[in-house]
Each structure stands twice: as C-alpha cells, then as structure tokens.
Amino acid sequence: MLQSCSKNITVFNRSTPVKDLKVEQLNFDYMTIKSKVEFKEAHKTTNATAQIRLKKDSVIWFNLSGALGVQGVRGIITKDSVKVINKVEKQYYAYDFKEVSKEFQFPIDFELIQAIVVGDMPKPLNDDSNAKIIGKRYVIKQNIDNFRITNYIGQENMKLEEVNVTEKETDNSLKLLYKDFRPIDNQGIPYSIFASLIHHNEFGELETQLSIDHSKVETSDKPIKFPFTVPKKYEVQ
C-alpha cells in the first residue's frame, strides 16, 4: 500500500479500479484563450499568435496572426468538419475528419482536438480499466478500438500530464505533454501543451510537432460569438 501525504488524495493499492480514481476533466460552457503557437514539420517551422474560442463538445474557433503564411487565417471546427479561410490568399478550405486524418496519417476527430487544447483525456475512462502507481503518477492503460493508450495522471492535481496513443495497425503514434497548470474556476488547466505526431510512409518516419503556450484563459456561462463567413469571391480549395 502506497500512502500519499495529501489529505485530498485517496490511498491506492498497486492496482486500483479507475472508478475509484477521480481524474479531473475540465468543466466549462464557453472558453476564450490567447496563445502562442509553434508548428514544426520536417523542414519548416511556423510561429503565430492564436485566439481560440470554444463551446464545449460543440465548436472550436480560431484566428491566427503574426506570421507569414498564417496572417489572416481563421477556422472553425465542429463535430463533422474543419473549415478554414485565408484572407490574404482569398481562399476557403473545407475538410471532413476523414480527409484531415489522411493528411496527418493519424485518426483525428473533434474530441481529440478539444482534449489537446484544454488538457483532458482523449478517450473517456472505462470502469474495467485499472490504475497503477509509478513514481508520483497514476498510470492508466486503455485498449479502445484500434488504439493503445497510456495516460499519466499527476497525484497532486489529478490532472492528465502525459498521454501516449499508438495506432495498432500502422504503429503511428501521438504523444501529448501538459505542464504549467493554473487554476480556473477551481479547476486546473495546462498553460503549456506539446504534441508530437509520428507517422510512417515510404520515406521512413516523419514527425510533426505542435507547441501551444496559453497567455490568457477565461471561461463564461454566457454564449460567445464564433464569427465565420466566406466571401463569395473566395476560391474554394
């Protein structure tokens, strides 16, 4: 039996049902975020300032500025699509998640994107799973459909600190790291987020990295706006 020095953390055996482990998921209606974003591909790095707005489990809106190639880029993500307008190039892009997943060679959906932005677990816990203690973290492994998922939960804040997702058929993988947790509405949200996506093709192993550093996060229980209109003169890509 391992004993925690915090009164707020339950004492767990080496293996404990996750139903007894209360992992904190961020609860909110609407959220606005200001962030610095860095996107790295094989031979290119792009930096931008991002404004992000969310309606939980429904809409993610973003506006990028400050970098050549992303100046004037605005997008809206819903349960079934990703739509982007480039005001400088006067172009409009619309994708379903099947197309997005094909582009990154990894299954991507709305829930995964939302989880990355706010630091929640990508997949809900299954009560049949077990949590083990390794060091100062609880480790929860999941086998869901075609994925192997390992979640690392901090004992002090009960927040997700790291997650590794591997697609069984391809061995493509996604690693997420969350740091710099700060309070919001008596909860915790990571202000520093790092994502590494590794996929394999005929040229070998390729890695795409995304770093997000929030500078301001606010929540609201009142509706906020998600402005997104496509001028008729824009070219559809």
C-alpha atoms as a PDB file:
ATOM      1  CA  MET A   1       0.000   0.000   0.000  1.00  0.00           C
ATOM      2  CA  LEU A   2       1.371   3.356  -1.052  1.00  0.00           C
ATOM      3  CA  GLN A   3       0.288   6.290   1.085  1.00  0.00           C
ATOM      4  CA  SER A   4       0.001   9.900  -0.108  1.00  0.00           C
ATOM      5  CA  CYS A   5       0.949  12.778   2.156  1.00  0.00           C
ATOM      6  CA  SER A   6      -2.010  14.797   0.817  1.00  0.00           C
ATOM      7  CA  LYS A   7      -5.361  14.505   2.563  1.00  0.00           C
ATOM      8  CA  ASN A   8      -7.154  15.099  -0.734  1.00  0.00           C
ATOM      9  CA  ILE A   9      -5.747  12.004  -2.442  1.00  0.00           C
ATOM     10  CA  THR A  10      -7.095   8.538  -1.766  1.00  0.00           C
ATOM     11  CA  VAL A  11      -4.638   5.804  -0.870  1.00  0.00           C
ATOM     12  CA  PHE A  12      -4.355   3.208  -3.657  1.00  0.00           C
ATOM     13  CA  ASN A  13      -3.085  -0.294  -3.968  1.00  0.00           C
ATOM     14  CA  ARG A  14      -0.596  -1.170  -6.692  1.00  0.00           C
ATOM     15  CA  SER A  15      -3.579  -1.796  -8.972  1.00  0.00           C
ATOM     16  CA  THR A  16      -6.868   0.056  -8.393  1.00  0.00           C
ATOM     17  CA  PRO A  17     -10.113   0.305 -10.432  1.00  0.00           C
ATOM     18  CA  VAL A  18     -10.303   3.667 -12.213  1.00  0.00           C
ATOM     19  CA  LYS A  19     -13.842   4.168 -10.882  1.00  0.00           C
ATOM     20  CA  ASP A  20     -12.128   4.933  -7.566  1.00  0.00           C
ATOM     21  CA  LEU A  21      -9.735   7.389  -9.220  1.00  0.00           C
ATOM     22  CA  LYS A  22     -11.275  10.819  -9.811  1.00  0.00           C
ATOM     23  CA  VAL A  23      -9.347  12.249 -12.741  1.00  0.00           C
ATOM     24  CA  GLU A  24     -10.191  15.924 -13.163  1.00  0.00           C
ATOM     25  CA  GLN A  25     -11.745  16.817 -16.521  1.00  0.00           C
ATOM     26  CA  LEU A  26     -12.204  20.499 -17.271  1.00  0.00           C
ATOM     27  CA  ASN A  27     -15.800  21.623 -16.834  1.00  0.00           C
ATOM     28  CA  PHE A  28     -16.898  24.734 -18.754  1.00  0.00           C
ATOM     29  CA  ASP A  29     -19.578  26.050 -21.098  1.00  0.00           C
ATOM     30  CA  TYR A  30     -17.624  28.594 -23.133  1.00  0.00           C
ATOM     31  CA  MET A  31     -13.927  29.450 -23.149  1.00  0.00           C
ATOM     32  CA  THR A  32     -11.684  32.090 -24.735  1.00  0.00           C
ATOM     33  CA  ILE A  33      -7.918  31.632 -24.988  1.00  0.00           C
ATOM     34  CA  LYS A  34      -4.941  33.655 -26.188  1.00  0.00           C
ATOM     35  CA  SER A  35      -1.885  31.596 -27.136  1.00  0.00           C
ATOM     36  CA  LYS A  36       1.458  31.428 -28.862  1.00  0.00           C
ATOM     37  CA  VAL A  37       1.619  28.540 -31.301  1.00  0.00           C
ATOM     38  CA  GLU A  38       4.590  26.826 -32.942  1.00  0.00           C
ATOM     39  CA  PHE A  39       4.078  24.238 -35.673  1.00  0.00           C
ATOM     40  CA  LYS A  40       7.078  22.173 -36.814  1.00  0.00           C
ATOM     41  CA  GLU A  41       7.246  19.928 -39.848  1.00  0.00           C
ATOM     42  CA  ALA A  42      10.275  18.196 -41.374  1.00  0.00           C
ATOM     43  CA  HIS A  43      11.790  21.298 -42.971  1.00  0.00           C
ATOM     44  CA  LYS A  44       9.559  24.121 -41.798  1.00  0.00           C
ATOM     45  CA  THR A  45       8.683  25.912 -38.565  1.00  0.00           C
ATOM     46  CA  THR A  46       5.725  28.303 -38.310  1.00  0.00           C
ATOM     47  CA  ASN A  47       5.034  30.600 -35.363  1.00  0.00           C
ATOM     48  CA  ALA A  48       1.815  32.509 -34.766  1.00  0.00           C
ATOM     49  CA  THR A  49      -0.385  34.192 -32.207  1.00  0.00           C
ATOM     50  CA  ALA A  50      -3.728  32.444 -31.771  1.00  0.00           C
ATOM     51  CA  GLN A  51      -7.091  33.477 -30.456  1.00  0.00           C
ATOM     52  CA  ILE A  52      -9.192  30.423 -29.613  1.00  0.00           C
ATOM     53  CA  ARG A  53     -12.844  30.176 -28.604  1.00  0.00           C
ATOM     54  CA  LEU A  54     -14.691  27.037 -27.559  1.00  0.00           C
ATOM     55  CA  LYS A  55     -18.190  25.876 -26.874  1.00  0.00           C
ATOM     56  CA  LYS A  56     -17.612  22.623 -25.054  1.00  0.00           C
ATOM     57  CA  ASP A  57     -18.231  19.485 -27.126  1.00  0.00           C
ATOM     58  CA  SER A  58     -19.570  21.581 -29.992  1.00  0.00           C
ATOM     59  CA  VAL A  59     -17.370  24.282 -31.577  1.00  0.00           C
ATOM     60  CA  ILE A  60     -13.703  25.310 -31.686  1.00  0.00           C
ATOM     61  CA  TRP A  61     -12.977  28.633 -33.394  1.00  0.00           C
ATOM     62  CA  PHE A  62      -9.508  30.061 -34.021  1.00  0.00           C
ATOM     63  CA  ASN A  63      -7.845  33.083 -35.578  1.00  0.00           C
ATOM     64  CA  LEU A  64      -4.114  33.130 -36.395  1.00  0.00           C
ATOM     65  CA  SER A  65      -1.943  36.185 -36.929  1.00  0.00           C
ATOM     66  CA  GLY A  66       1.598  37.490 -36.793  1.00  0.00           C
ATOM     67  CA  ALA A  67       3.366  35.023 -39.064  1.00  0.00           C
ATOM     68  CA  LEU A  68       3.985  34.920 -42.789  1.00  0.00           C
ATOM     69  CA  GLY A  69       1.690  32.306 -44.289  1.00  0.00           C
ATOM     70  CA  VAL A  70      -0.850  32.317 -41.443  1.00  0.00           C
ATOM     71  CA  GLN A  71      -1.664  36.035 -41.273  1.00  0.00           C
ATOM     72  CA  GLY A  72      -5.409  36.363 -41.591  1.00  0.00           C
ATOM     73  CA  VAL A  73      -6.163  32.660 -41.213  1.00  0.00           C
ATOM     74  CA  ARG A  74      -9.446  31.862 -39.466  1.00  0.00           C
ATOM     75  CA  GLY A  75     -11.023  28.475 -38.860  1.00  0.00           C
ATOM     76  CA  ILE A  76     -13.979  26.761 -37.268  1.00  0.00           C
ATOM     77  CA  ILE A  77     -14.051  23.128 -36.152  1.00  0.00           C
ATOM     78  CA  THR A  78     -17.278  21.270 -35.484  1.00  0.00           C
ATOM     79  CA  LYS A  79     -18.147  17.646 -34.818  1.00  0.00           C
ATOM     80  CA  ASP A  80     -18.003  16.740 -38.506  1.00  0.00           C
ATOM     81  CA  SER A  81     -15.797  19.267 -40.303  1.00  0.00           C
ATOM     82  CA  VAL A  82     -12.856  21.674 -40.334  1.00  0.00           C
ATOM     83  CA  LYS A  83     -13.312  24.916 -42.289  1.00  0.00           C
ATOM     84  CA  VAL A  84     -10.576  27.492 -42.860  1.00  0.00           C
ATOM     85  CA  ILE A  85     -10.413  30.834 -44.664  1.00  0.00           C
ATOM     86  CA  ASN A  86      -7.218  32.621 -45.680  1.00  0.00           C
ATOM     87  CA  LYS A  87      -7.981  36.312 -46.019  1.00  0.00           C
ATOM     88  CA  VAL A  88      -4.638  37.157 -47.608  1.00  0.00           C
ATOM     89  CA  GLU A  89      -4.856  34.500 -50.319  1.00  0.00           C
ATOM     90  CA  LYS A  90      -8.650  34.837 -50.544  1.00  0.00           C
ATOM     91  CA  GLN A  91      -9.104  31.078 -50.311  1.00  0.00           C
ATOM     92  CA  TYR A  92     -11.516  28.786 -48.495  1.00  0.00           C
ATOM     93  CA  TYR A  93     -10.864  25.206 -47.385  1.00  0.00           C
ATOM     94  CA  ALA A  94     -13.368  22.657 -46.103  1.00  0.00           C
ATOM     95  CA  TYR A  95     -12.493  19.161 -44.869  1.00  0.00           C
ATOM     96  CA  ASP A  96     -14.217  16.305 -43.132  1.00  0.00           C
ATOM     97  CA  PHE A  97     -12.261  14.440 -40.473  1.00  0.00           C
ATOM     98  CA  LYS A  98     -11.553  11.552 -42.818  1.00  0.00           C
ATOM     99  CA  GLU A  99      -9.592  13.972 -45.013  1.00  0.00           C
ATOM    100  CA  VAL A 100      -7.850  15.548 -42.008  1.00  0.00           C
ATOM    101  CA  SER A 101      -6.836  12.119 -40.723  1.00  0.00           C
ATOM    102  CA  LYS A 102      -5.479  11.152 -44.142  1.00  0.00           C
ATOM    103  CA  GLU A 103      -3.404  14.349 -44.296  1.00  0.00           C
ATOM    104  CA  PHE A 104      -1.727  13.628 -40.945  1.00  0.00           C
ATOM    105  CA  GLN A 105      -1.727   9.837 -41.320  1.00  0.00           C
ATOM    106  CA  PHE A 106      -3.443   9.505 -37.941  1.00  0.00           C
ATOM    107  CA  PRO A 107      -7.089   9.326 -36.831  1.00  0.00           C
ATOM    108  CA  ILE A 108      -8.162  12.811 -35.738  1.00  0.00           C
ATOM    109  CA  ASP A 109     -11.597  13.939 -34.573  1.00  0.00           C
ATOM    110  CA  PHE A 110     -13.192  16.862 -32.743  1.00  0.00           C
ATOM    111  CA  GLU A 111     -12.816  15.241 -29.323  1.00  0.00           C
ATOM    112  CA  LEU A 112      -9.069  14.798 -29.779  1.00  0.00           C
ATOM    113  CA  ILE A 113      -8.542  18.425 -30.820  1.00  0.00           C
ATOM    114  CA  GLN A 114     -10.583  19.711 -27.885  1.00  0.00           C
ATOM    115  CA  ALA A 115      -8.675  17.450 -25.492  1.00  0.00           C
ATOM    116  CA  ILE A 116      -5.344  18.795 -26.760  1.00  0.00           C
ATOM    117  CA  VAL A 117      -6.384  22.426 -26.262  1.00  0.00           C
ATOM    118  CA  VAL A 118      -7.787  22.078 -22.708  1.00  0.00           C
ATOM    119  CA  GLY A 119      -5.712  19.152 -21.382  1.00  0.00           C
ATOM    120  CA  ASP A 120      -8.396  16.489 -20.998  1.00  0.00           C
ATOM    121  CA  MET A 121      -8.105  12.765 -21.634  1.00  0.00           C
ATOM    122  CA  PRO A 122      -8.652  11.963 -25.345  1.00  0.00           C
ATOM    123  CA  LYS A 123     -10.863   8.967 -24.541  1.00  0.00           C
ATOM    124  CA  PRO A 124     -13.240   8.500 -21.569  1.00  0.00           C
ATOM    125  CA  LEU A 125     -12.217   6.140 -18.821  1.00  0.00           C
ATOM    126  CA  ASN A 126     -13.571   2.625 -18.832  1.00  0.00           C
ATOM    127  CA  ASP A 127     -14.537   1.343 -15.395  1.00  0.00           C
ATOM    128  CA  ASP A 128     -12.959  -2.002 -16.293  1.00  0.00           C
ATOM    129  CA  SER A 129      -9.506  -0.398 -16.506  1.00  0.00           C
ATOM    130  CA  ASN A 130      -7.003  -0.349 -13.663  1.00  0.00           C
ATOM    131  CA  ALA A 131      -4.732   2.436 -12.421  1.00  0.00           C
ATOM    132  CA  LYS A 132      -1.185   1.719 -11.264  1.00  0.00           C
ATOM    133  CA  ILE A 133       1.176   3.984  -9.360  1.00  0.00           C
ATOM    134  CA  ILE A 134       4.551   4.645 -10.952  1.00  0.00           C
ATOM    135  CA  GLY A 135       6.619   7.303  -9.216  1.00  0.00           C
ATOM    136  CA  LYS A 136       4.345  10.255  -8.440  1.00  0.00           C
ATOM    137  CA  ARG A 137       1.802   9.478 -11.136  1.00  0.00           C
ATOM    138  CA  TYR A 138      -1.114   7.155 -11.731  1.00  0.00           C
ATOM    139  CA  VAL A 139      -0.844   5.212 -14.981  1.00  0.00           C
ATOM    140  CA  ILE A 140      -3.983   4.110 -16.808  1.00  0.00           C
ATOM    141  CA  LYS A 141      -3.794   1.935 -19.927  1.00  0.00           C
ATOM    142  CA  GLN A 142      -6.647   1.678 -22.410  1.00  0.00           C
ATOM    143  CA  ASN A 143      -7.325  -0.560 -25.400  1.00  0.00           C
ATOM    144  CA  ILE A 144     -10.015   1.156 -27.467  1.00  0.00           C
ATOM    145  CA  ASP A 145     -10.810   0.013 -30.990  1.00  0.00           C
ATOM    146  CA  ASN A 146      -7.537   0.275 -32.918  1.00  0.00           C
ATOM    147  CA  PHE A 147      -5.674   2.255 -30.244  1.00  0.00           C
ATOM    148  CA  ARG A 148      -3.335   1.564 -27.352  1.00  0.00           C
ATOM    149  CA  ILE A 149      -3.460   4.492 -24.941  1.00  0.00           C
ATOM    150  CA  THR A 150      -1.353   5.160 -21.836  1.00  0.00           C
ATOM    151  CA  ASN A 151      -2.417   8.049 -19.589  1.00  0.00           C
ATOM    152  CA  TYR A 152      -0.250   9.533 -16.839  1.00  0.00           C
ATOM    153  CA  ILE A 153      -2.128  11.390 -14.083  1.00  0.00           C
ATOM    154  CA  GLY A 154      -0.375  13.608 -11.529  1.00  0.00           C
ATOM    155  CA  GLN A 155      -1.100  12.620  -7.928  1.00  0.00           C
ATOM    156  CA  GLU A 156      -1.148  16.203  -6.643  1.00  0.00           C
ATOM    157  CA  ASN A 157      -3.633  17.762  -9.056  1.00  0.00           C
ATOM    158  CA  MET A 158      -5.325  14.658 -10.524  1.00  0.00           C
ATOM    159  CA  LYS A 159      -4.796  16.137 -13.995  1.00  0.00           C
ATOM    160  CA  LEU A 160      -3.539  14.450 -17.139  1.00  0.00           C
ATOM    161  CA  GLU A 161       0.180  15.212 -17.531  1.00  0.00           C
ATOM    162  CA  GLU A 162       1.078  12.906 -20.411  1.00  0.00           C
ATOM    163  CA  VAL A 163      -0.657  10.598 -22.847  1.00  0.00           C
ATOM    164  CA  ASN A 164       0.725   8.248 -25.491  1.00  0.00           C
ATOM    165  CA  VAL A 165      -1.576   6.973 -28.239  1.00  0.00           C
ATOM    166  CA  THR A 166      -0.494   4.311 -30.741  1.00  0.00           C
ATOM    167  CA  GLU A 167      -2.497   3.083 -33.710  1.00  0.00           C
ATOM    168  CA  LYS A 168      -2.126  -0.691 -33.711  1.00  0.00           C
ATOM    169  CA  GLU A 169      -2.244  -1.300 -37.470  1.00  0.00           C
ATOM    170  CA  THR A 170       0.290   1.345 -38.513  1.00  0.00           C
ATOM    171  CA  ASP A 171       2.328   1.937 -35.333  1.00  0.00           C
ATOM    172  CA  ASN A 172       1.794   5.673 -35.917  1.00  0.00           C
ATOM    173  CA  SER A 173       1.753   7.484 -32.590  1.00  0.00           C
ATOM    174  CA  LEU A 174       0.732  10.678 -30.817  1.00  0.00           C
ATOM    175  CA  LYS A 175       2.385  11.953 -27.651  1.00  0.00           C
ATOM    176  CA  LEU A 176       0.910  14.781 -25.570  1.00  0.00           C
ATOM    177  CA  LEU A 177       2.606  16.598 -22.692  1.00  0.00           C
ATOM    178  CA  TYR A 178       0.854  19.067 -20.363  1.00  0.00           C
ATOM    179  CA  LYS A 179       2.668  21.439 -17.989  1.00  0.00           C
ATOM    180  CA  ASP A 180       2.282  24.711 -16.078  1.00  0.00           C
ATOM    181  CA  PHE A 181      -1.152  24.032 -14.596  1.00  0.00           C
ATOM    182  CA  ARG A 182      -3.002  27.111 -13.361  1.00  0.00           C
ATOM    183  CA  PRO A 183      -6.346  27.492 -11.595  1.00  0.00           C
ATOM    184  CA  ILE A 184      -9.536  28.433 -13.394  1.00  0.00           C
ATOM    185  CA  ASP A 185     -12.987  28.112 -11.807  1.00  0.00           C
ATOM    186  CA  ASN A 186     -11.484  25.980  -9.003  1.00  0.00           C
ATOM    187  CA  GLN A 187     -10.063  23.621 -11.615  1.00  0.00           C
ATOM    188  CA  GLY A 188      -6.698  23.251 -13.318  1.00  0.00           C
ATOM    189  CA  ILE A 189      -5.775  23.894 -16.940  1.00  0.00           C
ATOM    190  CA  PRO A 190      -2.339  23.434 -18.540  1.00  0.00           C
ATOM    191  CA  TYR A 191      -0.856  26.617 -19.991  1.00  0.00           C
ATOM    192  CA  SER A 192       1.896  24.683 -21.794  1.00  0.00           C
ATOM    193  CA  ILE A 193       0.959  21.941 -24.281  1.00  0.00           C
ATOM    194  CA  PHE A 194       3.207  19.884 -26.535  1.00  0.00           C
ATOM    195  CA  ALA A 195       2.067  17.388 -29.160  1.00  0.00           C
ATOM    196  CA  SER A 196       4.282  15.101 -31.229  1.00  0.00           C
ATOM    197  CA  LEU A 197       2.737  13.103 -34.071  1.00  0.00           C
ATOM    198  CA  ILE A 198       4.893  10.397 -35.656  1.00  0.00           C
ATOM    199  CA  HIS A 199       3.778   8.554 -38.770  1.00  0.00           C
ATOM    200  CA  HIS A 200       5.465   6.223 -41.219  1.00  0.00           C
ATOM    201  CA  ASN A 201       5.427   6.216 -45.001  1.00  0.00           C
ATOM    202  CA  GLU A 202       7.619   5.051 -47.887  1.00  0.00           C
ATOM    203  CA  PHE A 203      10.250   7.646 -46.917  1.00  0.00           C
ATOM    204  CA  GLY A 204      10.511   6.449 -43.333  1.00  0.00           C
ATOM    205  CA  GLU A 205       9.476   8.074 -40.060  1.00  0.00           C
ATOM    206  CA  LEU A 206       8.137  11.630 -40.129  1.00  0.00           C
ATOM    207  CA  GLU A 207       7.390  13.818 -37.108  1.00  0.00           C
ATOM    208  CA  THR A 208       5.082  16.809 -36.782  1.00  0.00           C
ATOM    209  CA  GLN A 209       5.241  18.891 -33.593  1.00  0.00           C
ATOM    210  CA  LEU A 210       2.802  21.402 -32.133  1.00  0.00           C
ATOM    211  CA  SER A 211       3.559  23.628 -29.137  1.00  0.00           C
ATOM    212  CA  ILE A 212       0.842  25.784 -27.559  1.00  0.00           C
ATOM    213  CA  ASP A 213       1.563  28.254 -24.762  1.00  0.00           C
ATOM    214  CA  HIS A 214      -1.516  29.949 -23.383  1.00  0.00           C
ATOM    215  CA  SER A 215      -1.141  33.517 -22.093  1.00  0.00           C
ATOM    216  CA  LYS A 216      -4.751  34.070 -21.043  1.00  0.00           C
ATOM    217  CA  VAL A 217      -7.697  31.740 -20.402  1.00  0.00           C
ATOM    218  CA  GLU A 218     -11.226  32.777 -19.462  1.00  0.00           C
ATOM    219  CA  THR A 219     -14.486  30.856 -19.121  1.00  0.00           C
ATOM    220  CA  SER A 220     -18.086  32.007 -19.380  1.00  0.00           C
ATOM    221  CA  ASP A 221     -21.532  30.538 -18.911  1.00  0.00           C
ATOM    222  CA  LYS A 222     -22.928  33.027 -21.419  1.00  0.00           C
ATOM    223  CA  PRO A 223     -22.783  32.425 -25.194  1.00  0.00           C
ATOM    224  CA  ILE A 224     -19.879  33.943 -27.121  1.00  0.00           C
ATOM    225  CA  LYS A 225     -19.551  34.635 -30.842  1.00  0.00           C
ATOM    226  CA  PHE A 226     -17.802  32.458 -33.431  1.00  0.00           C
ATOM    227  CA  PRO A 227     -17.597  34.783 -36.466  1.00  0.00           C
ATOM    228  CA  PHE A 228     -17.021  32.872 -39.681  1.00  0.00           C
ATOM    229  CA  THR A 229     -18.283  33.961 -43.089  1.00  0.00           C
ATOM    230  CA  VAL A 230     -16.893  33.073 -46.506  1.00  0.00           C
ATOM    231  CA  PRO A 231     -16.973  35.863 -49.102  1.00  0.00           C
ATOM    232  CA  LYS A 232     -18.379  34.760 -52.468  1.00  0.00           C
ATOM    233  CA  LYS A 233     -15.228  35.820 -54.312  1.00  0.00           C
ATOM    234  CA  TYR A 234     -13.013  33.396 -52.355  1.00  0.00           C
ATOM    235  CA  GLU A 235     -11.701  30.372 -54.245  1.00  0.00           C
ATOM    236  CA  VAL A 236     -12.815  27.033 -52.848  1.00  0.00           C
ATOM    237  CA  GLN A 237      -9.865  24.669 -52.496  1.00  0.00           C
END
